[in-house]
Amino acid sequence: MVPKRWARRAVTRNAIKRQIYNVSERFVDRLPVAAHVVRLRTTFDRQKFISATSEPLKLAVRQELEQLFERAARPEVRT
């Protein structure tokens, strides 16, 4: 979910959603079969990412998503 309060412009929200879909496709074999929710929790600063579809924004989103999916794909260690 990409709430409007964290990504004001629709074009930014849609670009983030596309990134979620693209990155999640790479992890589909490593994730358990379930419904997964990806929720944006902080804003992407418009001062830092001037263009809604800029390469720096895409890179920042992709890096964050890859870390998130890597963590989700790791098998749980039970002690």
Protein backbone atom coordinates (compact mmCIF):
# COMPACT_ATOMS: atom_id res chain seq x y z
CA MET A 1 0.00 0.00 0.00
CA VAL A 2 1.31 3.39 -0.89
CA PRO A 3 -0.69 6.02 1.02
CA LYS A 4 -1.09 9.49 -0.39
CA ARG A 5 0.40 11.04 2.74
CA TRP A 6 3.80 9.39 2.01
CA ALA A 7 3.85 9.79 -1.77
CA ARG A 8 1.73 12.76 -2.75
CA ARG A 9 1.79 12.42 -6.52
CA ALA A 10 -0.13 9.58 -8.18
CA VAL A 11 2.70 9.08 -10.64
CA THR A 12 5.08 8.47 -7.72
CA ARG A 13 2.70 6.02 -6.06
CA ASN A 14 2.25 4.13 -9.33
CA ALA A 15 6.02 4.01 -9.94
CA ILE A 16 6.54 2.59 -6.44
CA LYS A 17 3.82 -0.02 -7.02
CA ARG A 18 5.48 -1.08 -10.30
CA GLN A 19 8.76 -1.48 -8.41
CA ILE A 20 7.01 -3.65 -5.82
CA TYR A 21 5.58 -5.89 -8.55
CA ASN A 22 8.92 -6.16 -10.38
CA VAL A 23 11.01 -6.96 -7.31
CA SER A 24 8.43 -9.38 -5.90
CA GLU A 25 8.49 -11.40 -9.15
CA ARG A 26 12.18 -12.15 -8.56
CA PHE A 27 11.43 -13.53 -5.08
CA VAL A 28 8.29 -15.53 -5.88
CA ASP A 29 10.11 -18.89 -5.64
CA ARG A 30 11.70 -18.02 -2.30
CA LEU A 31 8.64 -16.66 -0.50
CA PRO A 32 6.00 -18.82 1.15
CA VAL A 33 2.68 -19.09 -0.64
CA ALA A 34 0.62 -16.41 1.06
CA ALA A 35 -0.78 -12.94 0.60
CA HIS A 36 2.02 -10.44 1.20
CA VAL A 37 1.46 -6.78 2.02
CA VAL A 38 4.11 -4.17 1.30
CA ARG A 39 3.35 -0.92 3.04
CA LEU A 40 5.19 2.36 2.59
CA ARG A 41 5.98 3.65 6.08
CA THR A 42 7.90 6.85 5.43
CA THR A 43 7.80 9.59 2.88
CA PHE A 44 10.02 10.03 -0.12
CA ASP A 45 11.19 13.63 0.20
CA ARG A 46 10.17 15.76 -2.79
CA GLN A 47 13.21 17.96 -2.20
CA LYS A 48 15.54 14.99 -2.61
CA PHE A 49 13.58 13.23 -5.37
CA ILE A 50 12.38 16.10 -7.54
CA SER A 51 11.02 13.99 -10.39
CA ALA A 52 8.32 11.48 -9.57
CA THR A 53 9.98 8.87 -11.78
CA SER A 54 13.63 9.86 -11.39
CA GLU A 55 16.39 7.25 -11.47
CA PRO A 56 17.52 8.09 -7.90
CA LEU A 57 13.97 7.48 -6.63
CA LYS A 58 13.71 4.19 -8.53
CA LEU A 59 17.07 3.10 -7.15
CA ALA A 60 16.16 4.04 -3.56
CA VAL A 61 12.83 2.19 -3.79
CA ARG A 62 14.41 -0.88 -5.42
CA GLN A 63 17.16 -1.11 -2.77
CA GLU A 64 14.67 -0.85 0.07
CA LEU A 65 12.38 -3.44 -1.52
CA GLU A 66 15.22 -5.88 -2.15
CA GLN A 67 16.25 -5.67 1.51
CA LEU A 68 12.65 -6.21 2.59
CA PHE A 69 12.11 -9.21 0.33
CA GLU A 70 15.49 -10.72 1.27
CA ARG A 71 14.47 -10.56 4.92
CA ALA A 72 11.04 -12.04 4.16
CA ALA A 73 12.55 -14.85 2.08
CA ARG A 74 14.96 -15.97 4.81
CA PRO A 75 13.84 -19.09 6.59
CA GLU A 76 12.90 -18.51 10.21
CA VAL A 77 15.39 -19.69 12.77
CA ARG A 78 13.57 -21.12 15.76
CA THR A 79 15.34 -21.48 19.06
